[in-house]
Amino acid sequence: MANGATIVDNRFKTSDLYFSAYLKTAGVPLLTTERNDRKVIFVFERVDGIKDLKREYFNRSAKVPALTFVDEIRSLKSLTYLTREDSI
């Protein structure tokens, strides 16, 4: 998949922080994070409609609550720092 997103073993993986925040806001369960060199990879459950969510996000037609989206960005940034610290 484009934009750094892949599907492996019924899991959807991406390193895009903002797209990950959108997926969380849209209700897609975040399963874990992984570290790949200097990047943090967000691993989501592959749910029905995830391709539609991706298309809507990148076509700028997605609709999610703005404040929830901002909260998820903050939450994922914190998780990113924790993931990086855990691997030192």
N, C-alpha and C. Protein backbone atom coordinates (compact mmCIF):
# COMPACT_ATOMS: atom_id res chain seq x y z
N MET A 1 0.83 -1.20 0.00
CA MET A 1 0.00 0.00 0.00
C MET A 1 0.86 1.24 0.00
N ALA A 2 0.34 2.30 -0.53
CA ALA A 2 1.06 3.56 -0.57
C ALA A 2 1.05 4.24 0.79
N ASN A 3 1.83 5.30 0.90
CA ASN A 3 1.87 6.14 2.10
C ASN A 3 2.36 5.40 3.33
N GLY A 4 3.27 4.45 3.14
CA GLY A 4 3.86 3.77 4.29
C GLY A 4 2.92 2.86 5.03
N ALA A 5 1.84 2.45 4.44
CA ALA A 5 0.87 1.58 5.09
C ALA A 5 0.93 0.19 4.47
N THR A 6 0.87 -0.83 5.31
CA THR A 6 0.87 -2.21 4.83
C THR A 6 -0.14 -3.03 5.60
N ILE A 7 -0.56 -4.13 5.00
CA ILE A 7 -1.44 -5.08 5.68
C ILE A 7 -0.67 -6.38 5.83
N VAL A 8 -0.50 -6.82 7.07
CA VAL A 8 0.24 -8.05 7.37
C VAL A 8 -0.54 -8.81 8.43
N ASP A 9 -0.85 -10.08 8.15
CA ASP A 9 -1.54 -10.94 9.13
C ASP A 9 -2.77 -10.28 9.74
N ASN A 10 -3.63 -9.75 8.89
CA ASN A 10 -4.85 -9.08 9.35
C ASN A 10 -4.59 -7.90 10.27
N ARG A 11 -3.41 -7.32 10.12
CA ARG A 11 -3.08 -6.10 10.85
C ARG A 11 -2.73 -5.03 9.84
N PHE A 12 -3.12 -3.82 10.14
CA PHE A 12 -2.83 -2.68 9.27
C PHE A 12 -1.75 -1.86 9.94
N LYS A 13 -0.63 -1.65 9.24
CA LYS A 13 0.51 -0.95 9.82
C LYS A 13 0.79 0.34 9.06
N THR A 14 1.09 1.40 9.80
CA THR A 14 1.46 2.67 9.20
C THR A 14 2.38 3.44 10.14
N SER A 15 3.25 4.24 9.56
CA SER A 15 4.12 5.10 10.36
C SER A 15 3.61 6.54 10.36
N ASP A 16 2.51 6.80 9.69
CA ASP A 16 1.94 8.14 9.58
C ASP A 16 1.15 8.49 10.85
N LEU A 17 1.69 9.39 11.65
CA LEU A 17 1.08 9.76 12.92
C LEU A 17 -0.33 10.33 12.74
N TYR A 18 -0.51 11.23 11.79
CA TYR A 18 -1.80 11.89 11.61
C TYR A 18 -2.85 10.93 11.05
N PHE A 19 -2.45 10.08 10.13
CA PHE A 19 -3.37 9.07 9.62
C PHE A 19 -3.76 8.11 10.74
N SER A 20 -2.80 7.76 11.59
CA SER A 20 -3.08 6.90 12.74
C SER A 20 -4.07 7.56 13.69
N ALA A 21 -3.90 8.85 13.93
CA ALA A 21 -4.84 9.58 14.78
C ALA A 21 -6.24 9.56 14.17
N TYR A 22 -6.31 9.70 12.86
CA TYR A 22 -7.60 9.62 12.17
C TYR A 22 -8.23 8.25 12.35
N LEU A 23 -7.44 7.18 12.15
CA LEU A 23 -7.97 5.83 12.31
C LEU A 23 -8.50 5.61 13.72
N LYS A 24 -7.74 6.07 14.73
CA LYS A 24 -8.21 5.93 16.11
C LYS A 24 -9.50 6.70 16.33
N THR A 25 -9.58 7.91 15.80
CA THR A 25 -10.78 8.72 15.94
C THR A 25 -11.96 8.06 15.26
N ALA A 26 -11.71 7.36 14.16
CA ALA A 26 -12.76 6.66 13.42
C ALA A 26 -13.15 5.34 14.08
N GLY A 27 -12.45 4.97 15.17
CA GLY A 27 -12.84 3.76 15.92
C GLY A 27 -12.08 2.50 15.59
N VAL A 28 -10.99 2.61 14.83
CA VAL A 28 -10.19 1.43 14.50
C VAL A 28 -9.29 1.12 15.70
N PRO A 29 -9.35 -0.10 16.25
CA PRO A 29 -8.54 -0.43 17.43
C PRO A 29 -7.03 -0.45 17.14
N LEU A 30 -6.29 0.29 17.96
CA LEU A 30 -4.83 0.27 17.92
C LEU A 30 -4.38 -0.93 18.73
N LEU A 31 -3.61 -1.84 18.12
CA LEU A 31 -3.18 -3.06 18.79
C LEU A 31 -1.86 -2.89 19.52
N THR A 32 -0.89 -2.24 18.86
CA THR A 32 0.43 -2.09 19.45
C THR A 32 1.23 -1.11 18.63
N THR A 33 2.45 -0.86 19.07
CA THR A 33 3.40 -0.09 18.27
C THR A 33 4.65 -0.94 18.10
N GLU A 34 5.36 -0.68 17.02
CA GLU A 34 6.63 -1.36 16.75
C GLU A 34 7.66 -0.29 16.41
N ARG A 35 8.88 -0.63 16.59
CA ARG A 35 9.96 0.30 16.24
C ARG A 35 10.70 -0.26 15.03
N ASN A 36 10.94 0.58 14.04
CA ASN A 36 11.68 0.21 12.84
C ASN A 36 12.72 1.29 12.62
N ASP A 37 13.96 0.99 13.01
CA ASP A 37 15.03 1.99 12.98
C ASP A 37 14.59 3.19 13.82
N ARG A 38 14.42 4.34 13.19
CA ARG A 38 14.04 5.54 13.93
C ARG A 38 12.54 5.80 13.90
N LYS A 39 11.81 5.00 13.16
CA LYS A 39 10.37 5.21 13.01
C LYS A 39 9.59 4.36 14.00
N VAL A 40 8.45 4.88 14.41
CA VAL A 40 7.49 4.11 15.18
C VAL A 40 6.37 3.71 14.23
N ILE A 41 6.03 2.43 14.23
CA ILE A 41 4.98 1.89 13.39
C ILE A 41 3.76 1.65 14.27
N PHE A 42 2.61 2.18 13.86
CA PHE A 42 1.35 1.96 14.56
C PHE A 42 0.66 0.76 13.93
N VAL A 43 0.26 -0.19 14.76
CA VAL A 43 -0.35 -1.43 14.26
C VAL A 43 -1.81 -1.46 14.69
N PHE A 44 -2.69 -1.47 13.70
CA PHE A 44 -4.13 -1.46 13.93
C PHE A 44 -4.75 -2.80 13.54
N GLU A 45 -5.89 -3.08 14.12
CA GLU A 45 -6.69 -4.23 13.70
C GLU A 45 -7.21 -3.91 12.30
N ARG A 46 -7.14 -4.90 11.42
CA ARG A 46 -7.69 -4.69 10.08
C ARG A 46 -9.19 -4.93 10.14
N VAL A 47 -9.93 -3.86 10.04
CA VAL A 47 -11.39 -3.93 10.13
C VAL A 47 -11.99 -3.75 8.74
N ASP A 48 -13.24 -4.20 8.60
CA ASP A 48 -13.95 -3.95 7.34
C ASP A 48 -14.04 -2.45 7.12
N GLY A 49 -13.78 -2.03 5.93
CA GLY A 49 -13.89 -0.61 5.60
C GLY A 49 -12.62 0.19 5.79
N ILE A 50 -11.52 -0.46 6.17
CA ILE A 50 -10.30 0.31 6.41
C ILE A 50 -9.78 0.94 5.11
N LYS A 51 -9.99 0.28 3.98
CA LYS A 51 -9.58 0.88 2.71
C LYS A 51 -10.42 2.12 2.40
N ASP A 52 -11.70 2.07 2.76
CA ASP A 52 -12.57 3.23 2.56
C ASP A 52 -12.12 4.39 3.44
N LEU A 53 -11.75 4.09 4.70
CA LEU A 53 -11.24 5.13 5.59
C LEU A 53 -9.98 5.77 5.02
N LYS A 54 -9.09 4.94 4.48
CA LYS A 54 -7.85 5.46 3.90
C LYS A 54 -8.16 6.36 2.71
N ARG A 55 -9.04 5.90 1.84
CA ARG A 55 -9.40 6.70 0.66
C ARG A 55 -10.01 8.04 1.07
N GLU A 56 -10.93 8.01 2.04
CA GLU A 56 -11.57 9.25 2.51
C GLU A 56 -10.54 10.21 3.11
N TYR A 57 -9.61 9.67 3.89
CA TYR A 57 -8.59 10.51 4.52
C TYR A 57 -7.73 11.20 3.48
N PHE A 58 -7.21 10.44 2.54
CA PHE A 58 -6.30 11.01 1.55
C PHE A 58 -7.01 11.80 0.46
N ASN A 59 -8.32 11.62 0.31
CA ASN A 59 -9.10 12.45 -0.60
C ASN A 59 -9.68 13.69 0.09
N ARG A 60 -9.36 13.83 1.37
CA ARG A 60 -9.82 14.96 2.18
C ARG A 60 -11.34 15.03 2.30
N SER A 61 -11.98 13.87 2.30
CA SER A 61 -13.43 13.84 2.46
C SER A 61 -13.85 13.18 3.78
N ALA A 62 -12.88 12.87 4.63
CA ALA A 62 -13.16 12.23 5.92
C ALA A 62 -13.82 13.21 6.87
N LYS A 63 -14.72 12.69 7.70
CA LYS A 63 -15.41 13.51 8.69
C LYS A 63 -15.25 12.85 10.06
N VAL A 64 -14.50 13.52 10.94
CA VAL A 64 -14.36 13.05 12.33
C VAL A 64 -14.43 14.28 13.24
N PRO A 65 -14.76 14.07 14.52
CA PRO A 65 -14.81 15.21 15.45
C PRO A 65 -13.41 15.83 15.61
N ALA A 66 -13.31 17.13 15.37
CA ALA A 66 -12.01 17.81 15.37
C ALA A 66 -11.28 17.71 16.71
N LEU A 67 -11.96 17.94 17.81
CA LEU A 67 -11.29 17.90 19.11
C LEU A 67 -10.82 16.49 19.47
N THR A 68 -11.58 15.50 19.10
CA THR A 68 -11.16 14.12 19.33
C THR A 68 -9.93 13.80 18.51
N PHE A 69 -9.90 14.26 17.26
CA PHE A 69 -8.75 14.06 16.40
C PHE A 69 -7.50 14.69 17.01
N VAL A 70 -7.61 15.91 17.51
CA VAL A 70 -6.48 16.59 18.15
C VAL A 70 -6.03 15.83 19.38
N ASP A 71 -6.97 15.36 20.19
CA ASP A 71 -6.63 14.56 21.38
C ASP A 71 -5.87 13.30 21.00
N GLU A 72 -6.28 12.64 19.92
CA GLU A 72 -5.61 11.42 19.47
C GLU A 72 -4.20 11.72 18.96
N ILE A 73 -4.01 12.87 18.32
CA ILE A 73 -2.66 13.25 17.89
C ILE A 73 -1.76 13.38 19.11
N ARG A 74 -2.23 14.08 20.13
CA ARG A 74 -1.44 14.24 21.36
C ARG A 74 -1.13 12.90 22.00
N SER A 75 -2.12 12.04 22.06
CA SER A 75 -1.96 10.72 22.67
C SER A 75 -0.92 9.89 21.91
N LEU A 76 -1.00 9.90 20.59
CA LEU A 76 -0.06 9.11 19.78
C LEU A 76 1.35 9.69 19.83
N LYS A 77 1.47 11.01 19.94
CA LYS A 77 2.80 11.61 20.09
C LYS A 77 3.43 11.13 21.39
N SER A 78 2.66 11.11 22.46
CA SER A 78 3.18 10.60 23.73
C SER A 78 3.58 9.15 23.62
N LEU A 79 2.74 8.36 22.96
CA LEU A 79 3.04 6.94 22.77
C LEU A 79 4.30 6.76 21.93
N THR A 80 4.51 7.63 20.95
CA THR A 80 5.71 7.58 20.11
C THR A 80 6.96 7.79 20.97
N TYR A 81 6.92 8.79 21.84
CA TYR A 81 8.08 9.05 22.71
C TYR A 81 8.33 7.88 23.65
N LEU A 82 7.26 7.30 24.19
CA LEU A 82 7.41 6.15 25.09
C LEU A 82 7.99 4.95 24.36
N THR A 83 7.54 4.72 23.13
CA THR A 83 8.05 3.61 22.33
C THR A 83 9.53 3.78 22.04
N ARG A 84 9.93 5.00 21.74
CA ARG A 84 11.35 5.28 21.47
C ARG A 84 12.19 5.08 22.72
N GLU A 85 11.70 5.53 23.87
CA GLU A 85 12.43 5.39 25.12
C GLU A 85 12.57 3.92 25.54
N ASP A 86 11.52 3.14 25.30
CA ASP A 86 11.55 1.73 25.68
C ASP A 86 12.60 0.94 24.91
N SER A 87 12.97 1.41 23.73
CA SER A 87 13.92 0.65 22.92
C SER A 87 15.35 1.14 23.08
N ILE A 88 15.59 2.09 23.95
CA ILE A 88 16.96 2.59 24.16
C ILE A 88 17.73 1.62 25.02
